[in-house]
Amino acid sequence: MTQSAVSHQIRRLSEELGERLVERQGRGLVLTEAGRRLALELDRAFDLIERSAAQVVGAANGTVRLAAYGTFASGWLVQRLPEFFARHPDIDLQLITVSEEDELSDRVADAFITSVPSQRGYRSVLLKRDHLIAVAPPDLGPWPCPLITTEVSPSAVGADWIDYCRHNGLELSTFQKESWRLCTHYQLAFDMARAGIGAALVPDFLGERGIAEGTLQRVYGEPMPTGSSYYLSIKFSRSQERALASLTQWLRAAAR
């Protein structure tokens, strides 16, 4: 659509509503207060249309968009999906990764696995409490050794290892040699440990995968709770949809 056509449509809409929707500011146009109110309401209306269409299509074809943190998706969920697909071949499960800042919304996904315990309008089911374990490559030399930390803030470098040692009544010097090896995500810490760079603290489900594969070994100490948990969240209004109900039932069983 050309610029002149857009201008014509805006002018017609302004005339029909009896309100100025835009005004000139410098060399451009900006929304008036009435224009901003209309834009907000239209955005809400289009959002409702989009969500309603997604629900109708999803309910009809058994499609479920499941959003989860990348580390949890790759470290815990993916290994269990073959069982889900075998049990529910009629459900088209689509995985989406999200960050901690992402909002729970139908525009993003139909179901979420996050650390947010509850949000208005959503039903949350506890799947797993988060624990960190210490792992290292099997052929790592004698202790102490380089330590990989995901606590990279200048004022708190290595805070995860300090807390881990305090939790287990150990001295940090028992583990640490040389300077810290820094990274920002558990998946990176996991990969660095498997590459032989040092020992790392990672979520138990991630570390146990490396141990089962033979690429990592457990290091002293008991698992340390982080205080976080993983929850499955689905809108109350949609929790009885067949595909979402099946996903909820399966995830609860898989997490036991």
C-alpha atoms as a PDB file:
ATOM      1  CA  MET A   1       0.000   0.000   0.000  1.00  0.00           C
ATOM      2  CA  THR A   2       1.377   3.413  -0.980  1.00  0.00           C
ATOM      3  CA  GLN A   3       1.933   6.299   1.418  1.00  0.00           C
ATOM      4  CA  SER A   4      -0.849   8.319  -0.211  1.00  0.00           C
ATOM      5  CA  ALA A   5      -3.263   5.392   0.162  1.00  0.00           C
ATOM      6  CA  VAL A   6      -2.409   5.106   3.869  1.00  0.00           C
ATOM      7  CA  SER A   7      -2.948   8.852   4.324  1.00  0.00           C
ATOM      8  CA  HIS A   8      -6.308   8.574   2.576  1.00  0.00           C
ATOM      9  CA  GLN A   9      -7.435   5.704   4.832  1.00  0.00           C
ATOM     10  CA  ILE A  10      -6.384   7.573   7.983  1.00  0.00           C
ATOM     11  CA  ARG A  11      -8.227  10.686   6.802  1.00  0.00           C
ATOM     12  CA  ARG A  12     -11.399   8.666   6.121  1.00  0.00           C
ATOM     13  CA  LEU A  13     -11.185   6.991   9.537  1.00  0.00           C
ATOM     14  CA  SER A  14     -10.712  10.367  11.245  1.00  0.00           C
ATOM     15  CA  GLU A  15     -13.793  11.718   9.481  1.00  0.00           C
ATOM     16  CA  GLU A  16     -15.909   8.688  10.431  1.00  0.00           C
ATOM     17  CA  LEU A  17     -14.848   8.889  14.091  1.00  0.00           C
ATOM     18  CA  GLY A  18     -14.985  12.664  14.273  1.00  0.00           C
ATOM     19  CA  GLU A  19     -11.520  12.733  15.879  1.00  0.00           C
ATOM     20  CA  ARG A  20      -8.083  13.785  14.701  1.00  0.00           C
ATOM     21  CA  LEU A  21      -5.916  10.671  14.879  1.00  0.00           C
ATOM     22  CA  VAL A  22      -2.579  12.102  13.726  1.00  0.00           C
ATOM     23  CA  GLU A  23      -0.914  15.483  13.745  1.00  0.00           C
ATOM     24  CA  ARG A  24       2.159  16.850  12.077  1.00  0.00           C
ATOM     25  CA  GLN A  25       5.289  17.186  14.188  1.00  0.00           C
ATOM     26  CA  GLY A  26       8.312  18.550  12.397  1.00  0.00           C
ATOM     27  CA  ARG A  27       8.625  16.672   9.120  1.00  0.00           C
ATOM     28  CA  GLY A  28       6.657  13.664  10.308  1.00  0.00           C
ATOM     29  CA  LEU A  29       3.350  12.583  11.799  1.00  0.00           C
ATOM     30  CA  VAL A  30       2.589  11.440  15.337  1.00  0.00           C
ATOM     31  CA  LEU A  31      -0.524   9.988  16.939  1.00  0.00           C
ATOM     32  CA  THR A  32      -2.814  12.290  18.865  1.00  0.00           C
ATOM     33  CA  GLU A  33      -4.180  11.199  22.246  1.00  0.00           C
ATOM     34  CA  ALA A  34      -7.272   9.843  20.467  1.00  0.00           C
ATOM     35  CA  GLY A  35      -5.038   8.068  17.967  1.00  0.00           C
ATOM     36  CA  ARG A  36      -3.012   6.445  20.745  1.00  0.00           C
ATOM     37  CA  ARG A  37      -6.172   5.223  22.491  1.00  0.00           C
ATOM     38  CA  LEU A  38      -7.494   3.781  19.250  1.00  0.00           C
ATOM     39  CA  ALA A  39      -4.156   2.105  18.464  1.00  0.00           C
ATOM     40  CA  LEU A  40      -4.108   0.503  21.920  1.00  0.00           C
ATOM     41  CA  GLU A  41      -7.638  -0.860  21.569  1.00  0.00           C
ATOM     42  CA  LEU A  42      -6.961  -2.128  18.045  1.00  0.00           C
ATOM     43  CA  ASP A  43      -3.805  -3.862  19.244  1.00  0.00           C
ATOM     44  CA  ARG A  44      -5.843  -5.628  21.928  1.00  0.00           C
ATOM     45  CA  ALA A  45      -8.487  -6.591  19.385  1.00  0.00           C
ATOM     46  CA  PHE A  46      -5.950  -7.998  16.928  1.00  0.00           C
ATOM     47  CA  ASP A  47      -4.271  -9.864  19.782  1.00  0.00           C
ATOM     48  CA  LEU A  48      -7.614 -11.442  20.718  1.00  0.00           C
ATOM     49  CA  ILE A  49      -8.246 -12.430  17.094  1.00  0.00           C
ATOM     50  CA  GLU A  50      -4.763 -13.954  16.833  1.00  0.00           C
ATOM     51  CA  ARG A  51      -5.125 -15.895  20.085  1.00  0.00           C
ATOM     52  CA  SER A  52      -8.617 -17.104  19.215  1.00  0.00           C
ATOM     53  CA  ALA A  53      -7.472 -18.287  15.797  1.00  0.00           C
ATOM     54  CA  ALA A  54      -4.479 -20.064  17.345  1.00  0.00           C
ATOM     55  CA  GLN A  55      -6.748 -21.824  19.838  1.00  0.00           C
ATOM     56  CA  VAL A  56      -9.189 -22.928  17.133  1.00  0.00           C
ATOM     57  CA  VAL A  57      -6.417 -24.192  14.865  1.00  0.00           C
ATOM     58  CA  GLY A  58      -4.560 -25.838  17.741  1.00  0.00           C
ATOM     59  CA  ALA A  59      -7.675 -27.550  19.060  1.00  0.00           C
ATOM     60  CA  ALA A  60      -8.531 -28.786  15.580  1.00  0.00           C
ATOM     61  CA  ASN A  61      -5.178 -30.223  14.563  1.00  0.00           C
ATOM     62  CA  GLY A  62      -3.690 -31.178  17.934  1.00  0.00           C
ATOM     63  CA  THR A  63      -0.833 -28.692  17.719  1.00  0.00           C
ATOM     64  CA  VAL A  64       0.778 -27.604  21.003  1.00  0.00           C
ATOM     65  CA  ARG A  65       3.515 -24.991  21.257  1.00  0.00           C
ATOM     66  CA  LEU A  66       5.594 -25.726  24.373  1.00  0.00           C
ATOM     67  CA  ALA A  67       8.002 -23.012  25.520  1.00  0.00           C
ATOM     68  CA  ALA A  68      10.857 -23.798  27.917  1.00  0.00           C
ATOM     69  CA  TYR A  69      14.228 -22.487  28.997  1.00  0.00           C
ATOM     70  CA  GLY A  70      16.901 -23.692  26.592  1.00  0.00           C
ATOM     71  CA  THR A  71      18.944 -25.519  29.244  1.00  0.00           C
ATOM     72  CA  PHE A  72      15.923 -27.408  30.576  1.00  0.00           C
ATOM     73  CA  ALA A  73      14.673 -28.206  27.089  1.00  0.00           C
ATOM     74  CA  SER A  74      17.989 -29.639  25.875  1.00  0.00           C
ATOM     75  CA  GLY A  75      19.099 -31.139  29.185  1.00  0.00           C
ATOM     76  CA  TRP A  76      15.900 -32.768  30.421  1.00  0.00           C
ATOM     77  CA  LEU A  77      12.967 -32.519  28.036  1.00  0.00           C
ATOM     78  CA  VAL A  78      14.404 -33.610  24.679  1.00  0.00           C
ATOM     79  CA  GLN A  79      15.648 -36.967  26.023  1.00  0.00           C
ATOM     80  CA  ARG A  80      12.107 -37.823  27.135  1.00  0.00           C
ATOM     81  CA  LEU A  81      10.225 -36.697  24.043  1.00  0.00           C
ATOM     82  CA  PRO A  82      10.443 -40.022  22.142  1.00  0.00           C
ATOM     83  CA  GLU A  83       8.152 -41.510  24.791  1.00  0.00           C
ATOM     84  CA  PHE A  84       5.699 -38.628  24.422  1.00  0.00           C
ATOM     85  CA  PHE A  85       5.540 -38.956  20.635  1.00  0.00           C
ATOM     86  CA  ALA A  86       5.096 -42.728  20.948  1.00  0.00           C
ATOM     87  CA  ARG A  87       2.176 -42.255  23.355  1.00  0.00           C
ATOM     88  CA  HIS A  88       0.602 -39.324  21.507  1.00  0.00           C
ATOM     89  CA  PRO A  89       1.344 -39.613  17.774  1.00  0.00           C
ATOM     90  CA  ASP A  90      -1.664 -37.388  17.026  1.00  0.00           C
ATOM     91  CA  ILE A  91      -0.224 -34.377  18.900  1.00  0.00           C
ATOM     92  CA  ASP A  92       2.077 -32.058  16.989  1.00  0.00           C
ATOM     93  CA  LEU A  93       4.365 -30.788  19.770  1.00  0.00           C
ATOM     94  CA  GLN A  94       6.440 -27.765  18.790  1.00  0.00           C
ATOM     95  CA  LEU A  95       9.299 -26.643  21.085  1.00  0.00           C
ATOM     96  CA  ILE A  96      10.143 -22.983  21.622  1.00  0.00           C
ATOM     97  CA  THR A  97      12.926 -21.617  23.830  1.00  0.00           C
ATOM     98  CA  VAL A  98      12.277 -18.597  26.044  1.00  0.00           C
ATOM     99  CA  SER A  99      14.283 -16.510  28.489  1.00  0.00           C
ATOM    100  CA  GLU A 100      13.429 -15.717  32.093  1.00  0.00           C
ATOM    101  CA  GLU A 101      12.142 -12.310  31.026  1.00  0.00           C
ATOM    102  CA  ASP A 102       9.612 -13.597  28.497  1.00  0.00           C
ATOM    103  CA  GLU A 103       5.956 -13.119  29.404  1.00  0.00           C
ATOM    104  CA  LEU A 104       3.496 -15.991  29.565  1.00  0.00           C
ATOM    105  CA  SER A 105       1.171 -15.295  26.655  1.00  0.00           C
ATOM    106  CA  ASP A 106      -0.802 -17.181  24.014  1.00  0.00           C
ATOM    107  CA  ARG A 107       1.085 -15.117  21.475  1.00  0.00           C
ATOM    108  CA  VAL A 108       4.286 -16.930  22.510  1.00  0.00           C
ATOM    109  CA  ALA A 109       3.120 -20.492  23.229  1.00  0.00           C
ATOM    110  CA  ASP A 110       0.260 -22.667  24.478  1.00  0.00           C
ATOM    111  CA  ALA A 111       2.177 -24.075  27.466  1.00  0.00           C
ATOM    112  CA  PHE A 112       5.289 -22.975  29.342  1.00  0.00           C
ATOM    113  CA  ILE A 113       7.975 -24.615  31.478  1.00  0.00           C
ATOM    114  CA  THR A 114       9.596 -21.812  33.468  1.00  0.00           C
ATOM    115  CA  SER A 115      10.650 -20.922  37.007  1.00  0.00           C
ATOM    116  CA  VAL A 116       7.599 -18.656  37.430  1.00  0.00           C
ATOM    117  CA  PRO A 117       5.359 -20.453  39.975  1.00  0.00           C
ATOM    118  CA  SER A 118       2.149 -18.669  39.086  1.00  0.00           C
ATOM    119  CA  GLN A 119       0.707 -15.907  36.983  1.00  0.00           C
ATOM    120  CA  ARG A 120      -2.803 -14.517  36.895  1.00  0.00           C
ATOM    121  CA  GLY A 121      -5.063 -16.655  34.742  1.00  0.00           C
ATOM    122  CA  TYR A 122      -2.604 -19.570  34.602  1.00  0.00           C
ATOM    123  CA  ARG A 123      -2.576 -22.936  36.309  1.00  0.00           C
ATOM    124  CA  SER A 124       0.932 -23.986  37.406  1.00  0.00           C
ATOM    125  CA  VAL A 125       2.094 -27.537  38.142  1.00  0.00           C
ATOM    126  CA  LEU A 126       5.412 -28.186  39.914  1.00  0.00           C
ATOM    127  CA  LEU A 127       7.598 -30.469  37.796  1.00  0.00           C
ATOM    128  CA  LYS A 128      11.041 -30.354  39.381  1.00  0.00           C
ATOM    129  CA  ARG A 129      13.011 -28.534  42.055  1.00  0.00           C
ATOM    130  CA  ASP A 130      16.353 -27.197  40.871  1.00  0.00           C
ATOM    131  CA  HIS A 131      19.633 -28.540  42.314  1.00  0.00           C
ATOM    132  CA  LEU A 132      23.245 -27.986  41.284  1.00  0.00           C
ATOM    133  CA  ILE A 133      25.835 -30.759  41.251  1.00  0.00           C
ATOM    134  CA  ALA A 134      29.587 -30.543  40.728  1.00  0.00           C
ATOM    135  CA  VAL A 135      30.962 -32.399  37.700  1.00  0.00           C
ATOM    136  CA  ALA A 136      34.316 -32.708  35.985  1.00  0.00           C
ATOM    137  CA  PRO A 137      35.776 -34.631  33.029  1.00  0.00           C
ATOM    138  CA  PRO A 138      36.831 -38.199  33.976  1.00  0.00           C
ATOM    139  CA  ASP A 139      40.457 -37.615  32.993  1.00  0.00           C
ATOM    140  CA  LEU A 140      40.871 -34.331  34.855  1.00  0.00           C
ATOM    141  CA  GLY A 141      44.187 -34.184  36.712  1.00  0.00           C
ATOM    142  CA  PRO A 142      44.554 -34.208  40.513  1.00  0.00           C
ATOM    143  CA  TRP A 143      42.663 -31.707  42.630  1.00  0.00           C
ATOM    144  CA  PRO A 144      42.577 -28.766  42.966  1.00  0.00           C
ATOM    145  CA  CYS A 145      41.741 -27.745  39.383  1.00  0.00           C
ATOM    146  CA  PRO A 146      40.315 -24.787  37.415  1.00  0.00           C
ATOM    147  CA  LEU A 147      36.696 -24.045  38.342  1.00  0.00           C
ATOM    148  CA  ILE A 148      34.061 -22.944  35.842  1.00  0.00           C
ATOM    149  CA  THR A 149      31.526 -20.462  37.209  1.00  0.00           C
ATOM    150  CA  THR A 150      28.357 -18.948  35.796  1.00  0.00           C
ATOM    151  CA  GLU A 151      28.453 -16.161  38.394  1.00  0.00           C
ATOM    152  CA  VAL A 152      30.304 -13.552  36.344  1.00  0.00           C
ATOM    153  CA  SER A 153      29.304 -10.284  38.035  1.00  0.00           C
ATOM    154  CA  PRO A 154      32.522  -8.539  39.212  1.00  0.00           C
ATOM    155  CA  SER A 155      31.140  -8.351  42.753  1.00  0.00           C
ATOM    156  CA  ALA A 156      30.087 -12.015  42.879  1.00  0.00           C
ATOM    157  CA  VAL A 157      32.475 -14.032  40.691  1.00  0.00           C
ATOM    158  CA  GLY A 158      32.443 -17.659  41.811  1.00  0.00           C
ATOM    159  CA  ALA A 159      29.556 -17.168  44.252  1.00  0.00           C
ATOM    160  CA  ASP A 160      28.030 -20.475  43.115  1.00  0.00           C
ATOM    161  CA  TRP A 161      31.132 -22.435  44.153  1.00  0.00           C
ATOM    162  CA  ILE A 162      31.448 -20.504  47.417  1.00  0.00           C
ATOM    163  CA  ASP A 163      27.825 -21.384  48.258  1.00  0.00           C
ATOM    164  CA  TYR A 164      28.362 -24.999  47.200  1.00  0.00           C
ATOM    165  CA  CYS A 165      31.369 -25.381  49.494  1.00  0.00           C
ATOM    166  CA  ARG A 166      29.487 -23.755  52.383  1.00  0.00           C
ATOM    167  CA  HIS A 167      26.513 -26.065  51.758  1.00  0.00           C
ATOM    168  CA  ASN A 168      28.785 -29.122  51.953  1.00  0.00           C
ATOM    169  CA  GLY A 169      31.128 -27.930  54.715  1.00  0.00           C
ATOM    170  CA  LEU A 170      34.109 -27.853  52.336  1.00  0.00           C
ATOM    171  CA  GLU A 171      36.940 -25.406  51.755  1.00  0.00           C
ATOM    172  CA  LEU A 172      37.070 -23.693  48.371  1.00  0.00           C
ATOM    173  CA  SER A 173      40.817 -24.361  48.267  1.00  0.00           C
ATOM    174  CA  THR A 174      39.965 -28.077  48.127  1.00  0.00           C
ATOM    175  CA  PHE A 175      38.670 -27.499  44.603  1.00  0.00           C
ATOM    176  CA  GLN A 176      40.147 -24.358  43.125  1.00  0.00           C
ATOM    177  CA  LYS A 177      43.419 -23.949  41.286  1.00  0.00           C
ATOM    178  CA  GLU A 178      44.299 -20.963  39.096  1.00  0.00           C
ATOM    179  CA  SER A 179      41.785 -18.246  38.197  1.00  0.00           C
ATOM    180  CA  TRP A 180      38.083 -18.724  37.493  1.00  0.00           C
ATOM    181  CA  ARG A 181      36.856 -19.876  34.102  1.00  0.00           C
ATOM    182  CA  LEU A 182      33.854 -17.669  33.357  1.00  0.00           C
ATOM    183  CA  CYS A 183      30.714 -18.272  31.290  1.00  0.00           C
ATOM    184  CA  THR A 184      27.152 -16.992  31.453  1.00  0.00           C
ATOM    185  CA  HIS A 185      24.979 -20.107  31.037  1.00  0.00           C
ATOM    186  CA  TYR A 186      24.789 -23.604  32.502  1.00  0.00           C
ATOM    187  CA  GLN A 187      24.850 -25.152  29.032  1.00  0.00           C
ATOM    188  CA  LEU A 188      28.179 -23.428  28.362  1.00  0.00           C
ATOM    189  CA  ALA A 189      29.544 -24.578  31.732  1.00  0.00           C
ATOM    190  CA  PHE A 190      28.449 -28.130  30.904  1.00  0.00           C
ATOM    191  CA  ASP A 191      30.150 -28.030  27.500  1.00  0.00           C
ATOM    192  CA  MET A 192      33.326 -26.485  28.956  1.00  0.00           C
ATOM    193  CA  ALA A 193      33.548 -29.238  31.580  1.00  0.00           C
ATOM    194  CA  ARG A 194      33.091 -31.916  28.917  1.00  0.00           C
ATOM    195  CA  ALA A 195      35.866 -30.245  26.913  1.00  0.00           C
ATOM    196  CA  GLY A 196      38.263 -30.741  29.841  1.00  0.00           C
ATOM    197  CA  ILE A 197      38.537 -27.076  30.850  1.00  0.00           C
ATOM    198  CA  GLY A 198      37.683 -27.654  34.500  1.00  0.00           C
ATOM    199  CA  ALA A 199      34.988 -28.586  37.006  1.00  0.00           C
ATOM    200  CA  ALA A 200      31.545 -26.980  36.826  1.00  0.00           C
ATOM    201  CA  LEU A 201      28.348 -26.606  38.812  1.00  0.00           C
ATOM    202  CA  VAL A 202      25.365 -27.448  36.627  1.00  0.00           C
ATOM    203  CA  PRO A 203      21.722 -28.475  37.137  1.00  0.00           C
ATOM    204  CA  ASP A 204      21.487 -32.106  38.211  1.00  0.00           C
ATOM    205  CA  PHE A 205      19.514 -33.160  35.129  1.00  0.00           C
ATOM    206  CA  LEU A 206      22.248 -31.746  32.892  1.00  0.00           C
ATOM    207  CA  GLY A 207      25.158 -33.199  34.855  1.00  0.00           C
ATOM    208  CA  GLU A 208      23.519 -36.624  35.129  1.00  0.00           C
ATOM    209  CA  ARG A 209      23.228 -36.718  31.350  1.00  0.00           C
ATOM    210  CA  GLY A 210      26.990 -36.199  31.004  1.00  0.00           C
ATOM    211  CA  ILE A 211      27.662 -38.827  33.663  1.00  0.00           C
ATOM    212  CA  ALA A 212      25.434 -41.356  31.864  1.00  0.00           C
ATOM    213  CA  GLU A 213      27.257 -40.622  28.601  1.00  0.00           C
ATOM    214  CA  GLY A 214      30.629 -41.146  30.291  1.00  0.00           C
ATOM    215  CA  THR A 215      31.846 -37.630  29.456  1.00  0.00           C
ATOM    216  CA  LEU A 216      31.668 -36.366  33.063  1.00  0.00           C
ATOM    217  CA  GLN A 217      32.090 -37.620  36.617  1.00  0.00           C
ATOM    218  CA  ARG A 218      30.541 -36.471  39.902  1.00  0.00           C
ATOM    219  CA  VAL A 219      32.706 -34.428  42.223  1.00  0.00           C
ATOM    220  CA  TYR A 220      32.500 -34.388  46.028  1.00  0.00           C
ATOM    221  CA  GLY A 221      29.505 -32.921  47.711  1.00  0.00           C
ATOM    222  CA  GLU A 222      25.759 -33.322  47.882  1.00  0.00           C
ATOM    223  CA  PRO A 223      23.432 -31.569  45.408  1.00  0.00           C
ATOM    224  CA  MET A 224      22.775 -27.954  46.374  1.00  0.00           C
ATOM    225  CA  PRO A 225      19.210 -26.602  46.082  1.00  0.00           C
ATOM    226  CA  THR A 226      19.078 -23.288  44.253  1.00  0.00           C
ATOM    227  CA  GLY A 227      15.688 -22.247  45.593  1.00  0.00           C
ATOM    228  CA  SER A 228      14.227 -22.296  42.083  1.00  0.00           C
ATOM    229  CA  SER A 229      11.868 -24.844  40.560  1.00  0.00           C
ATOM    230  CA  TYR A 230      10.458 -25.706  37.153  1.00  0.00           C
ATOM    231  CA  TYR A 231       6.718 -25.340  36.625  1.00  0.00           C
ATOM    232  CA  LEU A 232       4.375 -26.184  33.783  1.00  0.00           C
ATOM    233  CA  SER A 233       1.984 -23.273  33.250  1.00  0.00           C
ATOM    234  CA  ILE A 234      -1.180 -23.392  31.135  1.00  0.00           C
ATOM    235  CA  LYS A 235      -4.101 -20.982  31.025  1.00  0.00           C
ATOM    236  CA  PHE A 236      -7.025 -22.054  33.213  1.00  0.00           C
ATOM    237  CA  SER A 237      -9.361 -21.421  30.292  1.00  0.00           C
ATOM    238  CA  ARG A 238      -7.437 -23.896  28.121  1.00  0.00           C
ATOM    239  CA  SER A 239      -6.330 -26.539  30.629  1.00  0.00           C
ATOM    240  CA  GLN A 240      -9.101 -28.952  29.607  1.00  0.00           C
ATOM    241  CA  GLU A 241      -8.209 -28.948  25.910  1.00  0.00           C
ATOM    242  CA  ARG A 242      -7.390 -32.534  24.979  1.00  0.00           C
ATOM    243  CA  ALA A 243      -3.841 -31.962  23.709  1.00  0.00           C
ATOM    244  CA  LEU A 244      -2.871 -29.704  26.611  1.00  0.00           C
ATOM    245  CA  ALA A 245      -4.406 -32.065  29.168  1.00  0.00           C
ATOM    246  CA  SER A 246      -2.451 -34.978  27.648  1.00  0.00           C
ATOM    247  CA  LEU A 247       0.789 -32.974  27.749  1.00  0.00           C
ATOM    248  CA  THR A 248       0.204 -32.038  31.397  1.00  0.00           C
ATOM    249  CA  GLN A 249      -0.474 -35.632  32.410  1.00  0.00           C
ATOM    250  CA  TRP A 250       2.611 -36.915  30.592  1.00  0.00           C
ATOM    251  CA  LEU A 251       4.969 -34.235  31.977  1.00  0.00           C
ATOM    252  CA  ARG A 252       3.829 -34.871  35.547  1.00  0.00           C
ATOM    253  CA  ALA A 253       4.511 -38.583  35.135  1.00  0.00           C
ATOM    254  CA  ALA A 254       7.884 -38.010  33.440  1.00  0.00           C
ATOM    255  CA  ALA A 255       9.019 -35.672  36.226  1.00  0.00           C
ATOM    256  CA  ARG A 256       8.329 -38.142  39.052  1.00  0.00           C
END
